[in-house]
Amino acid sequence: MIKDISGFELYDKDDYQKSKLDIRKNVYTPNEKQKMFRAKLLELRTIFSKIDDENKLKIADDVIVSVARCAVELRNLEEVIRYNGHIEEYRNGAKQCGFKKSAASDAYCSLKKTCLADINFLINLLSAPESDGKKMSSKELLDTFVKMKDDT
């Protein structure tokens, strides 16, 4: 918090955004998420900079961006689940009520599955030997990626 000349407490932009968050949906502000995204993107691009083929690198870059976004959202969902729990209460009318898996928990599971498939693709792309000494075409790489997505 920042105090002005007269002693009134003022919120800076981040503190104000943090105070307006609905903890059931988000723990991090958009600015915090953007900073985490940039850091994760830089880390992943450094790791996968060893990809030597330009066509592979173009395909990998989109997947790297996707993995970075997934990592930030997964971290946010982990905090939301830690705060709210995996189970939430529901009520349908006066007599029907109970407990169910939380929406954040469902989103976390599906996003984690997608993120792991993308990471697996990147690792395979990084470590895949070229068959018979010839390079894979962009179409073959894309077909391999789509097939992996369908398998999950």
C-alpha atoms as a PDB file:
ATOM      1  CA  MET A   1       0.000   0.000   0.000  1.00  0.00           C
ATOM      2  CA  ILE A   2       1.060   3.507  -0.768  1.00  0.00           C
ATOM      3  CA  LYS A   3       0.238   6.546   1.370  1.00  0.00           C
ATOM      4  CA  ASP A   4      -0.335   9.932  -0.175  1.00  0.00           C
ATOM      5  CA  ILE A   5       0.698  13.278   1.331  1.00  0.00           C
ATOM      6  CA  SER A   6      -2.394  13.566   3.519  1.00  0.00           C
ATOM      7  CA  GLY A   7      -1.863  10.077   4.978  1.00  0.00           C
ATOM      8  CA  PHE A   8      -4.624   8.291   3.064  1.00  0.00           C
ATOM      9  CA  GLU A   9      -3.744   4.789   2.023  1.00  0.00           C
ATOM     10  CA  LEU A  10      -3.785   4.244  -1.715  1.00  0.00           C
ATOM     11  CA  TYR A  11      -3.660   0.956  -3.562  1.00  0.00           C
ATOM     12  CA  ASP A  12      -1.162   0.508  -6.326  1.00  0.00           C
ATOM     13  CA  LYS A  13      -2.472  -1.221  -9.465  1.00  0.00           C
ATOM     14  CA  ASP A  14      -1.396  -4.750  -8.456  1.00  0.00           C
ATOM     15  CA  ASP A  15      -2.779  -4.460  -4.925  1.00  0.00           C
ATOM     16  CA  TYR A  16      -6.077  -3.147  -6.277  1.00  0.00           C
ATOM     17  CA  GLN A  17      -6.359  -6.002  -8.797  1.00  0.00           C
ATOM     18  CA  LYS A  18      -5.486  -8.500  -6.049  1.00  0.00           C
ATOM     19  CA  SER A  19      -8.212  -7.110  -3.785  1.00  0.00           C
ATOM     20  CA  LYS A  20     -10.841  -7.498  -6.532  1.00  0.00           C
ATOM     21  CA  LEU A  21     -10.036 -11.151  -7.368  1.00  0.00           C
ATOM     22  CA  ASP A  22     -12.603 -13.857  -6.821  1.00  0.00           C
ATOM     23  CA  ILE A  23     -10.511 -16.484  -5.026  1.00  0.00           C
ATOM     24  CA  ARG A  24     -12.849 -19.214  -6.271  1.00  0.00           C
ATOM     25  CA  LYS A  25     -11.600 -18.577  -9.820  1.00  0.00           C
ATOM     26  CA  ASN A  26      -8.192 -16.893  -9.701  1.00  0.00           C
ATOM     27  CA  VAL A  27      -5.387 -16.490  -7.220  1.00  0.00           C
ATOM     28  CA  TYR A  28      -3.088 -14.491  -9.478  1.00  0.00           C
ATOM     29  CA  THR A  29      -3.781 -11.160 -11.159  1.00  0.00           C
ATOM     30  CA  PRO A  30      -3.450 -10.849 -14.949  1.00  0.00           C
ATOM     31  CA  ASN A  31      -0.139  -9.006 -14.446  1.00  0.00           C
ATOM     32  CA  GLU A  32       1.214 -11.798 -12.247  1.00  0.00           C
ATOM     33  CA  LYS A  33       0.090 -14.410 -14.762  1.00  0.00           C
ATOM     34  CA  GLN A  34       1.789 -12.502 -17.580  1.00  0.00           C
ATOM     35  CA  LYS A  35       5.067 -12.335 -15.634  1.00  0.00           C
ATOM     36  CA  MET A  36       4.910 -16.064 -14.863  1.00  0.00           C
ATOM     37  CA  PHE A  37       4.111 -16.801 -18.515  1.00  0.00           C
ATOM     38  CA  ARG A  38       7.077 -14.810 -19.790  1.00  0.00           C
ATOM     39  CA  ALA A  39       9.434 -16.514 -17.331  1.00  0.00           C
ATOM     40  CA  LYS A  40       8.171 -19.999 -18.237  1.00  0.00           C
ATOM     41  CA  LEU A  41       8.309 -19.209 -21.958  1.00  0.00           C
ATOM     42  CA  LEU A  42      11.927 -18.067 -21.674  1.00  0.00           C
ATOM     43  CA  GLU A  43      12.804 -21.201 -19.703  1.00  0.00           C
ATOM     44  CA  LEU A  44      11.153 -23.530 -22.227  1.00  0.00           C
ATOM     45  CA  ARG A  45      12.635 -21.765 -25.253  1.00  0.00           C
ATOM     46  CA  THR A  46      16.071 -22.090 -23.669  1.00  0.00           C
ATOM     47  CA  ILE A  47      15.561 -25.810 -23.068  1.00  0.00           C
ATOM     48  CA  PHE A  48      14.270 -26.507 -26.560  1.00  0.00           C
ATOM     49  CA  SER A  49      16.690 -24.214 -28.379  1.00  0.00           C
ATOM     50  CA  LYS A  50      18.709 -27.344 -29.138  1.00  0.00           C
ATOM     51  CA  ILE A  51      16.277 -28.263 -31.912  1.00  0.00           C
ATOM     52  CA  ASP A  52      18.384 -27.794 -35.013  1.00  0.00           C
ATOM     53  CA  ASP A  53      15.841 -28.152 -37.813  1.00  0.00           C
ATOM     54  CA  GLU A  54      14.058 -24.888 -38.659  1.00  0.00           C
ATOM     55  CA  ASN A  55      10.772 -26.622 -39.590  1.00  0.00           C
ATOM     56  CA  LYS A  56      10.739 -28.532 -36.308  1.00  0.00           C
ATOM     57  CA  LEU A  57      11.487 -25.320 -34.438  1.00  0.00           C
ATOM     58  CA  LYS A  58       8.519 -23.516 -36.047  1.00  0.00           C
ATOM     59  CA  ILE A  59       6.145 -26.284 -35.007  1.00  0.00           C
ATOM     60  CA  ALA A  60       7.741 -26.598 -31.588  1.00  0.00           C
ATOM     61  CA  ASP A  61       7.435 -22.877 -30.862  1.00  0.00           C
ATOM     62  CA  ASP A  62       3.621 -22.967 -30.929  1.00  0.00           C
ATOM     63  CA  VAL A  63       3.639 -25.975 -28.625  1.00  0.00           C
ATOM     64  CA  ILE A  64       6.136 -24.255 -26.315  1.00  0.00           C
ATOM     65  CA  VAL A  65       3.814 -21.240 -26.017  1.00  0.00           C
ATOM     66  CA  SER A  66       0.919 -23.598 -25.271  1.00  0.00           C
ATOM     67  CA  VAL A  67       2.900 -25.418 -22.567  1.00  0.00           C
ATOM     68  CA  ALA A  68       3.908 -22.112 -20.957  1.00  0.00           C
ATOM     69  CA  ARG A  69       0.272 -20.973 -20.807  1.00  0.00           C
ATOM     70  CA  CYS A  70      -0.798 -24.350 -19.438  1.00  0.00           C
ATOM     71  CA  ALA A  71       1.885 -24.190 -16.741  1.00  0.00           C
ATOM     72  CA  VAL A  72       0.664 -20.795 -15.538  1.00  0.00           C
ATOM     73  CA  GLU A  73      -2.989 -21.866 -15.498  1.00  0.00           C
ATOM     74  CA  LEU A  74      -2.125 -25.134 -13.747  1.00  0.00           C
ATOM     75  CA  ARG A  75      -0.324 -23.204 -11.040  1.00  0.00           C
ATOM     76  CA  ASN A  76      -3.339 -20.923 -10.641  1.00  0.00           C
ATOM     77  CA  LEU A  77      -5.716 -23.896 -10.467  1.00  0.00           C
ATOM     78  CA  GLU A  78      -3.520 -25.608  -7.877  1.00  0.00           C
ATOM     79  CA  GLU A  79      -3.832 -22.574  -5.628  1.00  0.00           C
ATOM     80  CA  VAL A  80      -7.592 -22.328  -6.203  1.00  0.00           C
ATOM     81  CA  ILE A  81      -7.975 -26.021  -5.321  1.00  0.00           C
ATOM     82  CA  ARG A  82      -5.776 -25.584  -2.253  1.00  0.00           C
ATOM     83  CA  TYR A  83      -8.018 -22.731  -1.111  1.00  0.00           C
ATOM     84  CA  ASN A  84     -11.421 -24.243  -2.017  1.00  0.00           C
ATOM     85  CA  GLY A  85     -10.730 -27.990  -1.986  1.00  0.00           C
ATOM     86  CA  HIS A  86     -11.383 -30.725  -4.538  1.00  0.00           C
ATOM     87  CA  ILE A  87     -15.029 -31.143  -3.564  1.00  0.00           C
ATOM     88  CA  GLU A  88     -17.849 -28.615  -3.640  1.00  0.00           C
ATOM     89  CA  GLU A  89     -21.404 -28.761  -2.397  1.00  0.00           C
ATOM     90  CA  TYR A  90     -24.290 -28.600  -4.830  1.00  0.00           C
ATOM     91  CA  ARG A  91     -28.026 -28.098  -4.419  1.00  0.00           C
ATOM     92  CA  ASN A  92     -30.711 -28.843  -7.001  1.00  0.00           C
ATOM     93  CA  GLY A  93     -33.972 -27.720  -5.509  1.00  0.00           C
ATOM     94  CA  ALA A  94     -35.092 -28.158  -1.916  1.00  0.00           C
ATOM     95  CA  LYS A  95     -34.398 -31.859  -1.426  1.00  0.00           C
ATOM     96  CA  GLN A  96     -31.592 -32.761  -3.786  1.00  0.00           C
ATOM     97  CA  CYS A  97     -28.132 -31.825  -2.549  1.00  0.00           C
ATOM     98  CA  GLY A  98     -24.742 -33.382  -2.053  1.00  0.00           C
ATOM     99  CA  PHE A  99     -21.106 -33.119  -2.981  1.00  0.00           C
ATOM    100  CA  LYS A 100     -19.352 -33.264  -6.333  1.00  0.00           C
ATOM    101  CA  LYS A 101     -15.901 -32.808  -7.772  1.00  0.00           C
ATOM    102  CA  SER A 102     -15.127 -29.099  -8.078  1.00  0.00           C
ATOM    103  CA  ALA A 103     -15.011 -27.362 -11.443  1.00  0.00           C
ATOM    104  CA  ALA A 104     -11.436 -26.268 -10.739  1.00  0.00           C
ATOM    105  CA  SER A 105     -10.463 -29.871 -10.112  1.00  0.00           C
ATOM    106  CA  ASP A 106     -12.025 -30.996 -13.414  1.00  0.00           C
ATOM    107  CA  ALA A 107     -10.299 -28.180 -15.290  1.00  0.00           C
ATOM    108  CA  TYR A 108      -7.002 -29.033 -13.618  1.00  0.00           C
ATOM    109  CA  CYS A 109      -7.203 -32.707 -14.663  1.00  0.00           C
ATOM    110  CA  SER A 110      -8.013 -31.987 -18.309  1.00  0.00           C
ATOM    111  CA  LEU A 111      -5.446 -29.189 -18.599  1.00  0.00           C
ATOM    112  CA  LYS A 112      -2.761 -31.354 -16.997  1.00  0.00           C
ATOM    113  CA  LYS A 113      -3.458 -34.133 -19.505  1.00  0.00           C
ATOM    114  CA  THR A 114      -3.132 -31.703 -22.415  1.00  0.00           C
ATOM    115  CA  CYS A 115       0.033 -30.159 -21.020  1.00  0.00           C
ATOM    116  CA  LEU A 116       1.670 -33.557 -20.500  1.00  0.00           C
ATOM    117  CA  ALA A 117       0.845 -34.576 -24.091  1.00  0.00           C
ATOM    118  CA  ASP A 118       2.417 -31.340 -25.374  1.00  0.00           C
ATOM    119  CA  ILE A 119       5.535 -31.844 -23.246  1.00  0.00           C
ATOM    120  CA  ASN A 120       5.800 -35.431 -24.454  1.00  0.00           C
ATOM    121  CA  PHE A 121       5.613 -34.185 -28.040  1.00  0.00           C
ATOM    122  CA  LEU A 122       8.384 -31.652 -27.436  1.00  0.00           C
ATOM    123  CA  ILE A 123      10.631 -34.227 -25.796  1.00  0.00           C
ATOM    124  CA  ASN A 124      10.059 -36.656 -28.653  1.00  0.00           C
ATOM    125  CA  LEU A 125      10.779 -33.887 -31.130  1.00  0.00           C
ATOM    126  CA  LEU A 126      13.993 -33.018 -29.338  1.00  0.00           C
ATOM    127  CA  SER A 127      15.269 -36.558 -29.002  1.00  0.00           C
ATOM    128  CA  ALA A 128      13.815 -38.206 -32.124  1.00  0.00           C
ATOM    129  CA  PRO A 129      16.482 -39.517 -34.473  1.00  0.00           C
ATOM    130  CA  GLU A 130      15.819 -38.853 -38.103  1.00  0.00           C
ATOM    131  CA  SER A 131      14.805 -42.047 -39.863  1.00  0.00           C
ATOM    132  CA  ASP A 132      17.162 -43.298 -42.596  1.00  0.00           C
ATOM    133  CA  GLY A 133      19.158 -40.082 -42.459  1.00  0.00           C
ATOM    134  CA  LYS A 134      16.356 -38.027 -44.031  1.00  0.00           C
ATOM    135  CA  LYS A 135      14.591 -35.165 -42.349  1.00  0.00           C
ATOM    136  CA  MET A 136      10.893 -35.280 -41.591  1.00  0.00           C
ATOM    137  CA  SER A 137       8.813 -32.832 -43.570  1.00  0.00           C
ATOM    138  CA  SER A 138       6.628 -30.261 -41.840  1.00  0.00           C
ATOM    139  CA  LYS A 139       3.542 -32.235 -42.861  1.00  0.00           C
ATOM    140  CA  GLU A 140       4.930 -35.419 -41.273  1.00  0.00           C
ATOM    141  CA  LEU A 141       5.726 -33.523 -38.077  1.00  0.00           C
ATOM    142  CA  LEU A 142       2.256 -32.030 -37.976  1.00  0.00           C
ATOM    143  CA  ASP A 143       0.656 -35.449 -38.620  1.00  0.00           C
ATOM    144  CA  THR A 144       2.724 -36.922 -35.783  1.00  0.00           C
ATOM    145  CA  PHE A 145       1.585 -34.153 -33.459  1.00  0.00           C
ATOM    146  CA  VAL A 146      -2.095 -34.560 -34.389  1.00  0.00           C
ATOM    147  CA  LYS A 147      -1.851 -38.321 -33.897  1.00  0.00           C
ATOM    148  CA  MET A 148      -0.370 -37.808 -30.435  1.00  0.00           C
ATOM    149  CA  LYS A 149      -3.187 -35.415 -29.509  1.00  0.00           C
ATOM    150  CA  ASP A 150      -5.780 -37.972 -30.666  1.00  0.00           C
ATOM    151  CA  ASP A 151      -4.174 -40.742 -28.604  1.00  0.00           C
ATOM    152  CA  THR A 152      -4.611 -38.821 -25.335  1.00  0.00           C
END
